[in-house]
Amino acid sequence: MCFEIGGGVEIGGDRLVVVAGPCVAESLDLCMEVAERMNAMCSGLDAGYVFKASFDKANRSSVDSYRGPGIERGLEILEEVGRGIGVPLLTDIHTPEQAERAAEVVDILQIPAFLCRQTDLLVAAGRTGKTVNVKKGQFMSPREMAGALEKVRSTGTAKVALTERGTFFGYNNLVVDMRSLVEMKSLGAPVIFDATHSVQTPGGQGKSSGGRREFVRPLARAAAAVGVDALFLETHPVPDQAKSDGPNSVDFDLAETIVKECLAVRKALMS
């Protein structure tokens, strides 16, 4: 299935889509820097680009962790990025009440992995008419995501994508079963591979999650070989200074290397 997600960018077609941005909308300056740099890079490589940032991270490990600027300021930042850079926008929602408000600004509403079974949230997102990206829960099998798709599609929309972000493998560890990408695509939805969240070590630093950044590149290449429609990268100019998910985020240079390699894999498969 192929459909437009905003700004002339289509998902599910021959063109790789890159969804990239900081975990949290820390500031307007940061978001503009990331969006401008990644948009220019993707344009030069003939890849579609979607800017991603969250206005609130409601599932942080600790009550003391930075969550973001909140919905009002966060959506203001996203709106300015969209207007200034001219790219489609993606953000998370955590409650049904946030769906309609966020849909006034962004092109894609993302359902966090821990909430992928929440019927009211999925239905509220679908009713907005915007593209809905549902992240597969770390506790879910790929076939079980058929239920999430059904809930969103019950609203009459067909604009739904599914994202793989790793599966729990014991405590504080995730693994990626590449078969999951094939199985979810067989459900009739475009599939996104979240290369950075897949290398998280959930709660691995006690009051925050850690990450194994060195595995982002090989996992992204493997997903490209399987044939994913989009690549999700948490991108930050200085990942170790990021206020959320720094250990598994990538900088601009690494992001460019990863995207180039994934495009090369796709080209080889199509030749």
Protein backbone atom coordinates (compact mmCIF):
# COMPACT_ATOMS: atom_id res chain seq x y z
CA MET A 1 0.00 0.00 0.00
CA CYS A 2 1.26 3.47 -0.92
CA PHE A 3 -0.18 6.79 0.24
CA GLU A 4 0.87 10.39 0.77
CA ILE A 5 1.81 11.34 4.31
CA GLY A 6 2.10 15.07 3.67
CA GLY A 7 4.20 17.57 1.79
CA GLY A 8 4.26 15.42 -1.32
CA VAL A 9 6.06 12.61 0.52
CA GLU A 10 4.67 9.13 -0.08
CA ILE A 11 5.27 6.00 1.95
CA GLY A 12 5.02 2.50 0.57
CA GLY A 13 6.39 3.32 -2.87
CA ASP A 14 9.82 3.00 -4.46
CA ARG A 15 11.34 5.92 -2.56
CA LEU A 16 12.82 5.41 0.91
CA VAL A 17 11.39 7.73 3.55
CA VAL A 18 13.56 8.92 6.44
CA VAL A 19 11.82 9.90 9.68
CA ALA A 20 14.38 11.75 11.78
CA GLY A 21 14.66 14.30 14.55
CA PRO A 22 15.43 14.64 18.25
CA CYS A 23 13.58 12.47 20.75
CA VAL A 24 12.11 15.58 22.39
CA ALA A 25 11.47 19.07 21.01
CA GLU A 26 14.06 20.56 23.36
CA SER A 27 13.98 23.99 21.71
CA LEU A 28 12.97 25.68 18.48
CA ASP A 29 16.62 26.30 17.55
CA LEU A 30 17.50 22.62 17.94
CA CYS A 31 14.50 21.43 15.96
CA MET A 32 15.16 23.89 13.15
CA GLU A 33 18.81 22.84 12.99
CA VAL A 34 17.98 19.15 12.77
CA ALA A 35 15.13 19.60 10.28
CA GLU A 36 17.17 21.85 8.00
CA ARG A 37 20.19 19.56 8.00
CA MET A 38 18.27 16.32 7.53
CA ASN A 39 15.96 17.76 4.89
CA ALA A 40 18.91 19.00 2.84
CA MET A 41 20.63 15.63 3.18
CA CYS A 42 17.56 13.63 2.16
CA SER A 43 16.82 15.96 -0.76
CA GLY A 44 20.36 15.46 -2.02
CA LEU A 45 20.01 11.68 -1.76
CA ASP A 46 16.49 11.57 -3.27
CA ALA A 47 14.90 10.21 -0.10
CA GLY A 48 11.67 11.47 1.40
CA TYR A 49 11.98 13.25 4.73
CA VAL A 50 9.68 13.61 7.75
CA PHE A 51 10.71 15.63 10.82
CA LYS A 52 10.04 13.91 14.14
CA ALA A 53 10.00 15.33 17.66
CA SER A 54 7.86 14.70 20.74
CA PHE A 55 6.20 17.45 22.75
CA ASP A 56 5.98 15.10 25.74
CA LYS A 57 7.66 11.81 26.65
CA ALA A 58 5.12 10.41 29.06
CA ASN A 59 6.93 7.09 29.60
CA ARG A 60 10.29 8.23 30.94
CA SER A 61 11.97 5.88 33.43
CA SER A 62 12.01 8.44 36.26
CA VAL A 63 9.60 11.11 37.44
CA ASP A 64 12.62 13.44 37.48
CA SER A 65 13.47 12.91 33.78
CA TYR A 66 12.92 15.70 31.25
CA ARG A 67 9.65 15.12 29.40
CA GLY A 68 9.52 17.99 26.94
CA PRO A 69 7.95 21.43 26.49
CA GLY A 70 4.35 20.21 26.73
CA ILE A 71 1.65 20.08 24.09
CA GLU A 72 1.05 23.79 23.54
CA ARG A 73 4.66 24.95 23.22
CA GLY A 74 5.66 21.69 21.58
CA LEU A 75 3.10 22.07 18.81
CA GLU A 76 4.12 25.69 18.35
CA ILE A 77 7.69 24.52 17.76
CA LEU A 78 6.58 21.82 15.34
CA GLU A 79 4.38 24.26 13.45
CA GLU A 80 7.28 26.69 13.03
CA VAL A 81 9.52 23.87 11.77
CA GLY A 82 6.91 22.77 9.25
CA ARG A 83 6.35 26.31 8.04
CA GLY A 84 10.03 27.25 7.99
CA ILE A 85 11.53 24.10 6.45
CA GLY A 86 8.51 22.86 4.51
CA VAL A 87 8.56 19.22 5.65
CA PRO A 88 5.92 16.81 6.96
CA LEU A 89 5.79 16.46 10.75
CA LEU A 90 5.40 13.53 13.14
CA THR A 91 4.80 13.54 16.88
CA ASP A 92 3.63 11.13 19.59
CA ILE A 93 0.28 11.29 21.31
CA HIS A 94 -0.47 9.55 24.58
CA THR A 95 -4.15 10.21 25.25
CA PRO A 96 -7.24 10.34 23.00
CA GLU A 97 -7.74 13.99 23.91
CA GLN A 98 -4.40 14.91 22.33
CA ALA A 99 -5.23 13.45 18.90
CA GLU A 100 -7.41 16.22 17.50
CA ARG A 101 -5.20 18.99 18.88
CA ALA A 102 -2.00 17.49 17.49
CA ALA A 103 -3.68 16.78 14.13
CA GLU A 104 -4.16 20.52 13.67
CA VAL A 105 -0.38 20.81 13.26
CA VAL A 106 1.27 17.52 12.32
CA ASP A 107 0.90 15.13 9.39
CA ILE A 108 1.52 11.89 11.27
CA LEU A 109 0.24 10.89 14.69
CA GLN A 110 2.48 8.29 16.31
CA ILE A 111 1.21 5.76 18.83
CA PRO A 112 4.01 4.84 21.28
CA ALA A 113 4.88 1.15 21.55
CA PHE A 114 3.63 0.77 25.12
CA LEU A 115 0.21 2.09 24.01
CA CYS A 116 -0.26 0.11 20.80
CA ARG A 117 -3.21 -1.85 22.24
CA GLN A 118 -5.10 1.20 23.59
CA THR A 119 -8.32 1.12 21.60
CA ASP A 120 -9.56 4.62 22.45
CA LEU A 121 -6.21 6.15 21.50
CA LEU A 122 -5.99 4.26 18.18
CA VAL A 123 -9.54 5.15 17.23
CA ALA A 124 -9.10 8.82 18.16
CA ALA A 125 -5.97 9.01 15.99
CA GLY A 126 -7.73 7.35 13.06
CA ARG A 127 -10.69 9.70 13.26
CA THR A 128 -8.48 12.71 12.59
CA GLY A 129 -7.87 11.52 9.02
CA LYS A 130 -4.14 12.00 9.45
CA THR A 131 -1.58 9.26 8.86
CA VAL A 132 -1.22 7.07 11.96
CA ASN A 133 2.07 5.33 12.76
CA VAL A 134 1.67 2.55 15.32
CA LYS A 135 4.83 1.31 16.96
CA LYS A 136 4.83 -2.41 17.69
CA GLY A 137 4.94 -3.03 21.43
CA GLN A 138 8.14 -4.57 22.76
CA PHE A 139 5.86 -7.28 24.16
CA MET A 140 3.94 -7.93 20.92
CA SER A 141 4.36 -10.44 18.12
CA PRO A 142 4.17 -8.97 14.60
CA ARG A 143 0.95 -10.84 13.79
CA GLU A 144 -0.76 -9.29 16.82
CA MET A 145 -0.39 -5.88 15.20
CA ALA A 146 -3.29 -6.84 12.95
CA GLY A 147 -5.51 -5.86 15.87
CA ALA A 148 -4.00 -2.39 16.07
CA LEU A 149 -4.46 -1.94 12.32
CA GLU A 150 -8.08 -3.04 12.56
CA LYS A 151 -8.79 -0.53 15.32
CA VAL A 152 -7.40 2.41 13.35
CA ARG A 153 -9.00 1.29 10.08
CA SER A 154 -12.39 0.91 11.77
CA THR A 155 -12.61 4.71 11.53
CA GLY A 156 -12.55 4.54 7.73
CA THR A 157 -8.94 5.57 7.20
CA ALA A 158 -6.41 3.50 5.26
CA LYS A 159 -3.43 5.71 6.13
CA VAL A 160 -1.74 3.51 8.73
CA ALA A 161 1.91 2.45 9.04
CA LEU A 162 3.53 0.00 11.47
CA THR A 163 6.92 0.40 13.09
CA GLU A 164 9.33 -2.23 14.41
CA ARG A 165 11.36 -1.03 17.40
CA GLY A 166 12.69 -4.21 18.97
CA THR A 167 11.29 -6.92 21.23
CA PHE A 168 12.09 -7.53 24.89
CA PHE A 169 14.80 -10.15 25.33
CA GLY A 170 15.09 -10.52 29.08
CA TYR A 171 15.67 -7.51 31.30
CA ASN A 172 17.06 -4.23 29.88
CA ASN A 173 17.59 -5.67 26.43
CA LEU A 174 15.92 -5.68 23.02
CA VAL A 175 16.44 -7.79 19.93
CA VAL A 176 15.17 -7.33 16.38
CA ASP A 177 13.68 -10.29 14.57
CA MET A 178 13.89 -9.31 10.91
CA ARG A 179 11.04 -11.72 10.17
CA SER A 180 8.83 -9.23 11.99
CA LEU A 181 9.28 -6.70 9.17
CA VAL A 182 8.12 -9.21 6.59
CA GLU A 183 5.17 -10.37 8.70
CA MET A 184 3.93 -6.86 9.44
CA LYS A 185 4.20 -5.88 5.77
CA SER A 186 2.03 -8.89 4.91
CA LEU A 187 -0.73 -7.21 6.96
CA GLY A 188 -1.07 -4.65 4.16
CA ALA A 189 0.56 -1.60 5.73
CA PRO A 190 3.83 0.22 5.05
CA VAL A 191 6.53 -0.78 7.54
CA ILE A 192 9.03 1.52 9.24
CA PHE A 193 12.17 0.33 10.98
CA ASP A 194 13.13 2.32 14.06
CA ALA A 195 16.88 1.73 14.02
CA THR A 196 17.66 3.83 17.09
CA HIS A 197 15.00 2.72 19.57
CA SER A 198 15.79 -0.87 18.59
CA VAL A 199 19.22 -0.54 20.22
CA GLN A 200 17.88 0.82 23.52
CA THR A 201 18.58 -0.88 26.81
CA PRO A 202 15.27 -0.03 28.52
CA GLY A 203 15.84 1.20 32.05
CA GLY A 204 19.44 0.10 31.64
CA GLN A 205 20.87 3.12 33.45
CA GLY A 206 18.61 2.85 36.47
CA LYS A 207 16.71 6.11 36.16
CA SER A 208 16.99 6.24 32.37
CA SER A 209 17.41 3.98 29.37
CA GLY A 210 20.78 3.28 27.84
CA GLY A 211 21.61 2.33 24.28
CA ARG A 212 24.06 0.54 21.99
CA ARG A 213 24.61 3.11 19.24
CA GLU A 214 27.19 0.92 17.48
CA PHE A 215 24.42 -1.43 16.36
CA VAL A 216 22.29 1.19 14.60
CA ARG A 217 24.19 0.93 11.29
CA PRO A 218 24.16 -2.86 10.87
CA LEU A 219 20.53 -3.18 11.92
CA ALA A 220 19.48 -0.41 9.51
CA ARG A 221 21.30 -2.12 6.64
CA ALA A 222 19.63 -5.42 7.47
CA ALA A 223 16.19 -3.79 7.53
CA ALA A 224 16.87 -2.14 4.17
CA ALA A 225 17.75 -5.56 2.77
CA VAL A 226 14.42 -6.92 4.03
CA GLY A 227 12.65 -4.10 2.20
CA VAL A 228 11.25 -1.60 4.72
CA ASP A 229 9.45 1.47 3.45
CA ALA A 230 10.96 3.95 5.87
CA LEU A 231 13.83 4.35 8.30
CA PHE A 232 13.37 6.03 11.69
CA LEU A 233 16.43 7.67 13.27
CA GLU A 234 16.56 9.75 16.43
CA THR A 235 19.00 12.44 15.34
CA HIS A 236 20.74 15.08 17.44
CA PRO A 237 23.76 17.32 16.70
CA VAL A 238 25.42 16.15 19.94
CA PRO A 239 23.68 12.93 21.00
CA ASP A 240 25.46 12.65 24.34
CA GLN A 241 23.97 16.02 25.30
CA ALA A 242 20.40 15.10 24.30
CA LYS A 243 17.83 15.43 27.07
CA SER A 244 16.23 12.12 26.13
CA ASP A 245 17.48 8.95 24.40
CA GLY A 246 20.98 10.27 23.84
CA PRO A 247 22.75 6.87 24.10
CA ASN A 248 20.83 5.49 21.12
CA SER A 249 20.63 8.69 19.05
CA VAL A 250 22.91 9.42 16.09
CA ASP A 251 24.62 12.61 14.93
CA PHE A 252 24.33 14.10 11.44
CA ASP A 253 27.39 12.38 10.01
CA LEU A 254 26.35 8.93 11.20
CA ALA A 255 22.78 9.53 10.02
CA GLU A 256 24.04 10.39 6.54
CA THR A 257 26.25 7.30 6.43
CA ILE A 258 23.34 5.10 7.47
CA VAL A 259 20.93 6.56 4.91
CA LYS A 260 23.48 6.28 2.11
CA GLU A 261 24.15 2.64 2.97
CA CYS A 262 20.45 1.81 3.12
CA LEU A 263 19.87 3.46 -0.24
CA ALA A 264 22.75 1.48 -1.71
CA VAL A 265 21.23 -1.75 -0.39
CA ARG A 266 17.84 -0.86 -1.89
CA LYS A 267 19.44 -0.03 -5.23
CA ALA A 268 21.29 -3.34 -5.28
CA LEU A 269 18.07 -5.23 -4.57
CA MET A 270 16.25 -3.49 -7.41
CA SER A 271 19.03 -3.96 -9.98
